Amino acid sequence: MQSLRLDVETHHRLIELRRPGESLAEVVTRAVTALEATTDPPSTDERLATLERRLKRLEGSR
């Protein structure tokens, strides 16, 4: 497995989405799943905003 290099802002945003005890790899897996659910490839900023909204919705339904 290779290392994932992220810019500082993206890294901080992903850390903010972590659940207690969740690894960053698990957050990235959830992020990829959320992004794959989109039909049109949005811009990077749109993808991150969409990801954050979807993850918050998923977390709220648990």
Protein backbone atom coordinates (compact mmCIF):
# COMPACT_ATOMS: atom_id res chain seq x y z
CA MET A 1 0.00 0.00 0.00
CA GLN A 2 1.29 3.45 -0.89
CA SER A 3 1.18 6.57 1.23
CA LEU A 4 -1.45 9.11 0.44
CA ARG A 5 -0.18 12.68 0.13
CA LEU A 6 -2.72 15.35 0.90
CA ASP A 7 -2.48 19.10 1.03
CA VAL A 8 -2.71 20.53 4.55
CA GLU A 9 -6.26 21.87 4.15
CA THR A 10 -7.63 18.55 2.89
CA HIS A 11 -5.82 16.65 5.65
CA HIS A 12 -7.35 18.94 8.31
CA ARG A 13 -10.82 18.62 6.78
CA LEU A 14 -10.60 14.83 6.79
CA ILE A 15 -9.40 14.80 10.39
CA GLU A 16 -12.44 16.91 11.34
CA LEU A 17 -14.67 14.20 9.84
CA ARG A 18 -13.12 11.41 11.91
CA ARG A 19 -15.35 9.54 14.29
CA PRO A 20 -13.98 8.63 17.73
CA GLY A 21 -11.42 5.86 17.31
CA GLU A 22 -11.61 5.97 13.51
CA SER A 23 -8.40 5.93 11.50
CA LEU A 24 -7.72 8.38 8.72
CA ALA A 25 -7.80 5.45 6.28
CA GLU A 26 -11.38 4.70 7.35
CA VAL A 27 -12.35 8.34 6.80
CA VAL A 28 -10.83 8.22 3.32
CA THR A 29 -12.74 4.99 2.58
CA ARG A 30 -16.01 6.66 3.59
CA ALA A 31 -15.05 9.69 1.51
CA VAL A 32 -14.40 7.60 -1.58
CA THR A 33 -17.72 5.80 -1.13
CA ALA A 34 -19.53 9.12 -0.84
CA LEU A 35 -17.77 10.52 -3.92
CA GLU A 36 -18.52 7.42 -5.98
CA ALA A 37 -22.20 8.02 -5.34
CA THR A 38 -22.10 11.25 -7.33
CA THR A 39 -23.10 11.09 -10.97
CA ASP A 40 -21.30 14.09 -12.43
CA PRO A 41 -17.66 14.70 -11.59
CA PRO A 42 -17.73 18.01 -9.67
CA SER A 43 -14.80 20.32 -8.98
CA THR A 44 -12.49 19.53 -6.06
CA ASP A 45 -14.15 22.13 -3.81
CA GLU A 46 -17.60 20.84 -4.72
CA ARG A 47 -16.51 17.26 -4.05
CA LEU A 48 -15.18 18.13 -0.59
CA ALA A 49 -18.34 20.08 0.29
CA THR A 50 -20.53 17.23 -0.98
CA LEU A 51 -18.44 14.72 0.92
CA GLU A 52 -18.76 16.66 4.16
CA ARG A 53 -22.56 16.96 3.78
CA ARG A 54 -22.99 13.27 2.98
CA LEU A 55 -20.78 12.09 5.79
CA LYS A 56 -22.66 14.28 8.26
CA ARG A 57 -25.96 12.85 7.00
CA LEU A 58 -24.62 9.31 7.31
CA GLU A 59 -23.34 9.99 10.80
CA GLY A 60 -26.70 11.47 11.80
CA SER A 61 -28.59 8.37 10.64
CA ARG A 62 -26.66 6.05 12.95
